[in-house]
Amino acid sequence: MLPVELALEWNAVAREHCNVLVEAEPAVAAPVLAVLRGHLRAPIHEYNPTVGSPVPEPTEGTLILLEVASLGPRQQAKLLRWLNDRHGSVQVASTSSEPLFALVERGAFDAALYYRLNVVRIAI
């Protein structure tokens, strides 16, 4: 369960349907996402880049990106274009077991994509 302060903060920002980034190991991120699912915009579309399928581009609801740090440069560029061009109202919740800012500093993750995903950051 999330701390009360965090849950209240998320309730406040969920009304705006902003993007959220959960930086934690998968075993820790999963229960955090489970709590947040009740606040995310429906329908919820989930994507794990480690399975190799294309990133979905929903026009409504929430896109959950698991282990977003594993996106390759082409997938990152495509996701950023979709985020910039989307006309629907889609919220993005992403998880990463690696600190994304460190990847940005090393040039391994697109800085613009990081800032689009990192509206609300939960680091555990």
N, C-alpha and C. Protein backbone atom coordinates (compact mmCIF):
# COMPACT_ATOMS: atom_id res chain seq x y z
N MET A 1 0.83 -1.19 0.00
CA MET A 1 0.00 0.00 0.00
C MET A 1 0.87 1.24 0.00
N LEU A 2 0.42 2.28 -0.68
CA LEU A 2 1.16 3.53 -0.73
C LEU A 2 1.00 4.30 0.56
N PRO A 3 2.03 5.07 0.95
CA PRO A 3 1.84 5.96 2.10
C PRO A 3 0.67 6.91 1.83
N VAL A 4 -0.02 7.30 2.88
CA VAL A 4 -1.20 8.16 2.74
C VAL A 4 -0.87 9.44 1.99
N GLU A 5 0.29 10.06 2.31
CA GLU A 5 0.65 11.32 1.66
C GLU A 5 0.79 11.14 0.15
N LEU A 6 1.41 10.04 -0.26
CA LEU A 6 1.60 9.79 -1.68
C LEU A 6 0.27 9.51 -2.35
N ALA A 7 -0.60 8.74 -1.70
CA ALA A 7 -1.90 8.44 -2.26
C ALA A 7 -2.72 9.72 -2.43
N LEU A 8 -2.67 10.61 -1.44
CA LEU A 8 -3.40 11.87 -1.55
C LEU A 8 -2.84 12.73 -2.66
N GLU A 9 -1.50 12.77 -2.79
CA GLU A 9 -0.89 13.54 -3.88
C GLU A 9 -1.32 12.96 -5.22
N TRP A 10 -1.29 11.64 -5.34
CA TRP A 10 -1.68 11.03 -6.62
C TRP A 10 -3.15 11.31 -6.91
N ASN A 11 -4.03 11.26 -5.90
CA ASN A 11 -5.44 11.58 -6.12
C ASN A 11 -5.59 12.99 -6.70
N ALA A 12 -4.78 13.91 -6.19
CA ALA A 12 -4.87 15.30 -6.67
C ALA A 12 -4.43 15.41 -8.12
N VAL A 13 -3.35 14.75 -8.49
CA VAL A 13 -2.85 14.90 -9.87
C VAL A 13 -3.54 13.96 -10.84
N ALA A 14 -4.16 12.90 -10.36
CA ALA A 14 -4.85 11.96 -11.25
C ALA A 14 -5.99 12.63 -11.98
N ARG A 15 -6.57 13.64 -11.35
CA ARG A 15 -7.66 14.36 -12.03
C ARG A 15 -7.16 15.04 -13.30
N GLU A 16 -5.88 15.35 -13.33
CA GLU A 16 -5.29 15.96 -14.54
C GLU A 16 -4.78 14.89 -15.50
N HIS A 17 -4.79 13.65 -15.07
CA HIS A 17 -4.34 12.51 -15.89
C HIS A 17 -2.92 12.72 -16.41
N CYS A 18 -2.05 13.16 -15.53
CA CYS A 18 -0.67 13.38 -15.93
C CYS A 18 0.10 12.07 -15.93
N ASN A 19 1.25 12.09 -16.56
CA ASN A 19 2.11 10.91 -16.65
C ASN A 19 2.82 10.68 -15.32
N VAL A 20 3.10 9.41 -15.05
CA VAL A 20 3.78 9.05 -13.81
C VAL A 20 4.89 8.05 -14.14
N LEU A 21 6.01 8.22 -13.46
CA LEU A 21 7.17 7.35 -13.62
C LEU A 21 7.46 6.70 -12.27
N VAL A 22 7.47 5.37 -12.23
CA VAL A 22 7.78 4.64 -11.01
C VAL A 22 9.16 4.03 -11.19
N GLU A 23 10.13 4.51 -10.42
CA GLU A 23 11.48 3.97 -10.50
C GLU A 23 11.69 3.03 -9.32
N ALA A 24 11.64 1.74 -9.61
CA ALA A 24 11.79 0.71 -8.59
C ALA A 24 12.00 -0.63 -9.28
N GLU A 25 12.51 -1.58 -8.54
CA GLU A 25 12.63 -2.94 -9.05
C GLU A 25 11.23 -3.45 -9.39
N PRO A 26 11.11 -4.35 -10.37
CA PRO A 26 9.78 -4.85 -10.77
C PRO A 26 8.93 -5.37 -9.63
N ALA A 27 9.53 -6.07 -8.69
CA ALA A 27 8.77 -6.63 -7.57
C ALA A 27 8.19 -5.52 -6.68
N VAL A 28 8.84 -4.37 -6.64
CA VAL A 28 8.36 -3.24 -5.85
C VAL A 28 7.41 -2.38 -6.69
N ALA A 29 7.71 -2.22 -7.97
CA ALA A 29 6.87 -1.38 -8.85
C ALA A 29 5.48 -1.99 -9.05
N ALA A 30 5.39 -3.31 -9.11
CA ALA A 30 4.10 -3.97 -9.37
C ALA A 30 3.03 -3.60 -8.34
N PRO A 31 3.31 -3.67 -7.03
CA PRO A 31 2.26 -3.28 -6.08
C PRO A 31 1.94 -1.78 -6.13
N VAL A 32 2.92 -0.96 -6.46
CA VAL A 32 2.66 0.48 -6.60
C VAL A 32 1.69 0.70 -7.77
N LEU A 33 1.96 0.05 -8.90
CA LEU A 33 1.05 0.16 -10.04
C LEU A 33 -0.34 -0.38 -9.70
N ALA A 34 -0.38 -1.45 -8.91
CA ALA A 34 -1.67 -2.02 -8.52
C ALA A 34 -2.50 -0.99 -7.76
N VAL A 35 -1.87 -0.24 -6.88
CA VAL A 35 -2.58 0.81 -6.13
C VAL A 35 -2.99 1.94 -7.08
N LEU A 36 -2.09 2.32 -7.97
CA LEU A 36 -2.37 3.44 -8.87
C LEU A 36 -3.43 3.10 -9.91
N ARG A 37 -3.57 1.82 -10.26
CA ARG A 37 -4.55 1.43 -11.29
C ARG A 37 -5.95 1.98 -11.00
N GLY A 38 -6.30 2.07 -9.74
CA GLY A 38 -7.60 2.61 -9.38
C GLY A 38 -7.75 4.09 -9.70
N HIS A 39 -6.63 4.75 -9.96
CA HIS A 39 -6.65 6.19 -10.25
C HIS A 39 -6.33 6.50 -11.71
N LEU A 40 -5.91 5.50 -12.46
CA LEU A 40 -5.54 5.71 -13.85
C LEU A 40 -6.78 5.73 -14.74
N ARG A 41 -6.67 6.45 -15.83
CA ARG A 41 -7.78 6.57 -16.77
C ARG A 41 -7.98 5.24 -17.51
N ALA A 42 -9.22 4.78 -17.57
CA ALA A 42 -9.56 3.53 -18.28
C ALA A 42 -9.84 3.84 -19.76
N PRO A 43 -9.64 2.90 -20.66
CA PRO A 43 -9.11 1.56 -20.45
C PRO A 43 -7.58 1.61 -20.28
N ILE A 44 -7.07 0.57 -19.63
CA ILE A 44 -5.63 0.49 -19.39
C ILE A 44 -5.00 -0.49 -20.38
N HIS A 45 -3.97 -0.01 -21.06
CA HIS A 45 -3.21 -0.81 -22.03
C HIS A 45 -1.82 -1.01 -21.43
N GLU A 46 -1.37 -2.24 -21.37
CA GLU A 46 -0.07 -2.51 -20.77
C GLU A 46 0.90 -3.02 -21.82
N TYR A 47 2.15 -2.56 -21.72
CA TYR A 47 3.18 -2.96 -22.69
C TYR A 47 4.48 -3.23 -21.97
N ASN A 48 5.11 -4.35 -22.32
CA ASN A 48 6.42 -4.69 -21.79
C ASN A 48 7.37 -4.81 -22.97
N PRO A 49 8.31 -3.87 -23.12
CA PRO A 49 9.20 -3.88 -24.29
C PRO A 49 10.10 -5.11 -24.37
N THR A 50 10.25 -5.83 -23.28
CA THR A 50 11.13 -6.99 -23.32
C THR A 50 10.51 -8.16 -24.09
N VAL A 51 9.21 -8.10 -24.40
CA VAL A 51 8.58 -9.16 -25.18
C VAL A 51 8.71 -8.94 -26.68
N GLY A 52 9.13 -7.76 -27.11
CA GLY A 52 9.46 -7.52 -28.51
C GLY A 52 8.34 -7.09 -29.42
N SER A 53 7.13 -6.94 -28.94
CA SER A 53 6.05 -6.46 -29.81
C SER A 53 6.12 -4.94 -29.93
N PRO A 54 5.44 -4.37 -30.95
CA PRO A 54 5.46 -2.91 -31.10
C PRO A 54 4.74 -2.21 -29.95
N VAL A 55 5.17 -1.01 -29.66
CA VAL A 55 4.54 -0.21 -28.61
C VAL A 55 3.13 0.15 -29.07
N PRO A 56 2.11 -0.15 -28.26
CA PRO A 56 0.75 0.23 -28.65
C PRO A 56 0.58 1.75 -28.63
N GLU A 57 -0.34 2.23 -29.42
CA GLU A 57 -0.61 3.67 -29.48
C GLU A 57 -2.10 3.91 -29.25
N PRO A 58 -2.55 3.72 -28.01
CA PRO A 58 -3.98 3.90 -27.74
C PRO A 58 -4.40 5.36 -27.95
N THR A 59 -5.69 5.54 -28.19
CA THR A 59 -6.23 6.89 -28.37
C THR A 59 -6.97 7.37 -27.14
N GLU A 60 -7.10 6.50 -26.14
CA GLU A 60 -7.75 6.88 -24.89
C GLU A 60 -7.25 5.99 -23.78
N GLY A 61 -7.49 6.40 -22.55
CA GLY A 61 -7.12 5.59 -21.41
C GLY A 61 -5.70 5.83 -20.95
N THR A 62 -5.07 4.76 -20.46
CA THR A 62 -3.72 4.83 -19.92
C THR A 62 -2.85 3.77 -20.58
N LEU A 63 -1.65 4.16 -20.93
CA LEU A 63 -0.66 3.23 -21.44
C LEU A 63 0.34 2.99 -20.32
N ILE A 64 0.45 1.73 -19.86
CA ILE A 64 1.45 1.38 -18.85
C ILE A 64 2.63 0.77 -19.58
N LEU A 65 3.79 1.39 -19.43
CA LEU A 65 5.03 0.92 -20.04
C LEU A 65 5.90 0.30 -18.95
N LEU A 66 6.07 -1.00 -18.98
CA LEU A 66 6.91 -1.67 -18.00
C LEU A 66 8.36 -1.66 -18.47
N GLU A 67 9.27 -1.37 -17.55
CA GLU A 67 10.70 -1.35 -17.86
C GLU A 67 11.01 -0.50 -19.09
N VAL A 68 10.60 0.76 -19.02
CA VAL A 68 10.76 1.69 -20.13
C VAL A 68 12.23 1.90 -20.51
N ALA A 69 13.14 1.66 -19.57
CA ALA A 69 14.57 1.81 -19.87
C ALA A 69 15.05 0.81 -20.91
N SER A 70 14.30 -0.25 -21.12
CA SER A 70 14.72 -1.25 -22.10
C SER A 70 14.29 -0.92 -23.52
N LEU A 71 13.60 0.22 -23.71
CA LEU A 71 13.26 0.65 -25.06
C LEU A 71 14.53 1.03 -25.82
N GLY A 72 14.63 0.57 -27.04
CA GLY A 72 15.76 0.95 -27.88
C GLY A 72 15.58 2.36 -28.42
N PRO A 73 16.62 2.92 -29.05
CA PRO A 73 16.54 4.29 -29.56
C PRO A 73 15.38 4.51 -30.54
N ARG A 74 15.12 3.56 -31.42
CA ARG A 74 14.01 3.72 -32.37
C ARG A 74 12.66 3.73 -31.66
N GLN A 75 12.50 2.81 -30.69
CA GLN A 75 11.26 2.77 -29.93
C GLN A 75 11.08 4.04 -29.11
N GLN A 76 12.16 4.56 -28.54
CA GLN A 76 12.09 5.81 -27.79
C GLN A 76 11.63 6.95 -28.69
N ALA A 77 12.22 7.04 -29.89
CA ALA A 77 11.86 8.11 -30.82
C ALA A 77 10.40 7.99 -31.25
N LYS A 78 9.95 6.77 -31.51
CA LYS A 78 8.56 6.57 -31.92
C LYS A 78 7.60 6.93 -30.79
N LEU A 79 7.95 6.51 -29.57
CA LEU A 79 7.10 6.83 -28.42
C LEU A 79 7.04 8.34 -28.20
N LEU A 80 8.16 9.03 -28.32
CA LEU A 80 8.17 10.48 -28.15
C LEU A 80 7.32 11.16 -29.22
N ARG A 81 7.43 10.72 -30.48
CA ARG A 81 6.59 11.29 -31.54
C ARG A 81 5.11 11.09 -31.22
N TRP A 82 4.76 9.88 -30.77
CA TRP A 82 3.37 9.60 -30.42
C TRP A 82 2.91 10.50 -29.28
N LEU A 83 3.74 10.65 -28.25
CA LEU A 83 3.38 11.52 -27.13
C LEU A 83 3.19 12.96 -27.58
N ASN A 84 4.03 13.42 -28.49
CA ASN A 84 3.94 14.79 -28.96
C ASN A 84 2.77 15.02 -29.90
N ASP A 85 2.39 13.98 -30.66
CA ASP A 85 1.35 14.13 -31.68
C ASP A 85 -0.03 13.68 -31.24
N ARG A 86 -0.11 12.98 -30.12
CA ARG A 86 -1.40 12.40 -29.75
C ARG A 86 -2.45 13.48 -29.56
N HIS A 87 -3.62 13.18 -30.09
CA HIS A 87 -4.73 14.11 -29.94
C HIS A 87 -5.73 13.58 -28.92
N GLY A 88 -5.67 12.27 -28.67
CA GLY A 88 -6.55 11.68 -27.66
C GLY A 88 -6.04 12.03 -26.27
N SER A 89 -6.76 11.63 -25.32
CA SER A 89 -6.38 11.91 -23.94
C SER A 89 -5.84 10.63 -23.32
N VAL A 90 -4.54 10.42 -23.47
CA VAL A 90 -3.90 9.21 -22.98
C VAL A 90 -2.86 9.57 -21.93
N GLN A 91 -2.98 8.92 -20.81
CA GLN A 91 -2.04 9.08 -19.70
C GLN A 91 -1.01 7.95 -19.84
N VAL A 92 0.24 8.21 -19.43
CA VAL A 92 1.28 7.19 -19.49
C VAL A 92 1.83 6.96 -18.08
N ALA A 93 1.81 5.70 -17.67
CA ALA A 93 2.45 5.29 -16.42
C ALA A 93 3.58 4.35 -16.81
N SER A 94 4.79 4.67 -16.40
CA SER A 94 5.93 3.83 -16.79
C SER A 94 6.72 3.41 -15.57
N THR A 95 7.41 2.28 -15.72
CA THR A 95 8.27 1.79 -14.65
C THR A 95 9.68 1.59 -15.20
N SER A 96 10.63 1.70 -14.30
CA SER A 96 12.02 1.45 -14.66
C SER A 96 12.77 1.01 -13.42
N SER A 97 13.51 -0.08 -13.56
CA SER A 97 14.34 -0.52 -12.44
C SER A 97 15.66 0.23 -12.42
N GLU A 98 15.95 0.95 -13.49
CA GLU A 98 17.16 1.78 -13.55
C GLU A 98 16.75 3.25 -13.44
N PRO A 99 17.52 4.06 -12.73
CA PRO A 99 17.22 5.50 -12.70
C PRO A 99 17.36 6.10 -14.10
N LEU A 100 16.27 6.58 -14.65
CA LEU A 100 16.28 7.07 -16.04
C LEU A 100 17.17 8.29 -16.22
N PHE A 101 17.24 9.16 -15.22
CA PHE A 101 18.07 10.35 -15.40
C PHE A 101 19.53 9.97 -15.59
N ALA A 102 19.99 8.94 -14.90
CA ALA A 102 21.37 8.47 -15.10
C ALA A 102 21.57 7.97 -16.53
N LEU A 103 20.55 7.32 -17.08
CA LEU A 103 20.63 6.88 -18.48
C LEU A 103 20.63 8.08 -19.43
N VAL A 104 19.86 9.10 -19.12
CA VAL A 104 19.86 10.33 -19.93
C VAL A 104 21.25 10.95 -19.92
N GLU A 105 21.86 11.03 -18.73
CA GLU A 105 23.20 11.62 -18.63
C GLU A 105 24.23 10.84 -19.43
N ARG A 106 24.06 9.53 -19.55
CA ARG A 106 24.99 8.70 -20.33
C ARG A 106 24.63 8.67 -21.80
N GLY A 107 23.52 9.28 -22.19
CA GLY A 107 23.10 9.28 -23.58
C GLY A 107 22.39 8.01 -24.00
N ALA A 108 21.98 7.19 -23.04
CA ALA A 108 21.32 5.92 -23.34
C ALA A 108 19.79 6.05 -23.36
N PHE A 109 19.26 7.20 -22.94
CA PHE A 109 17.82 7.41 -22.95
C PHE A 109 17.54 8.83 -23.39
N ASP A 110 16.56 9.01 -24.24
CA ASP A 110 16.23 10.31 -24.81
C ASP A 110 15.76 11.28 -23.72
N ALA A 111 16.42 12.42 -23.63
CA ALA A 111 16.10 13.42 -22.59
C ALA A 111 14.67 13.95 -22.73
N ALA A 112 14.24 14.23 -23.94
CA ALA A 112 12.89 14.76 -24.13
C ALA A 112 11.84 13.74 -23.71
N LEU A 113 12.08 12.48 -24.01
CA LEU A 113 11.14 11.43 -23.60
C LEU A 113 11.13 11.31 -22.08
N TYR A 114 12.30 11.37 -21.47
CA TYR A 114 12.37 11.32 -20.01
C TYR A 114 11.51 12.42 -19.38
N TYR A 115 11.62 13.63 -19.88
CA TYR A 115 10.86 14.73 -19.30
C TYR A 115 9.36 14.61 -19.56
N ARG A 116 8.98 13.97 -20.67
CA ARG A 116 7.55 13.74 -20.92
C ARG A 116 6.97 12.69 -19.98
N LEU A 117 7.78 11.67 -19.67
CA LEU A 117 7.30 10.59 -18.80
C LEU A 117 7.37 10.95 -17.32
N ASN A 118 8.27 11.85 -16.97
CA ASN A 118 8.58 12.16 -15.56
C ASN A 118 7.80 13.37 -15.05
N VAL A 119 6.48 13.33 -15.16
CA VAL A 119 5.67 14.43 -14.62
C VAL A 119 5.52 14.24 -13.11
N VAL A 120 5.10 13.05 -12.71
CA VAL A 120 5.06 12.66 -11.31
C VAL A 120 6.02 11.49 -11.19
N ARG A 121 7.01 11.60 -10.32
CA ARG A 121 8.02 10.56 -10.17
C ARG A 121 7.90 9.92 -8.80
N ILE A 122 7.84 8.61 -8.81
CA ILE A 122 7.81 7.84 -7.56
C ILE A 122 9.06 6.98 -7.58
N ALA A 123 10.03 7.32 -6.74
CA ALA A 123 11.28 6.56 -6.67
C ALA A 123 11.30 5.78 -5.37
N ILE A 124 11.45 4.48 -5.49
CA ILE A 124 11.44 3.63 -4.30
C ILE A 124 12.74 2.83 -4.27
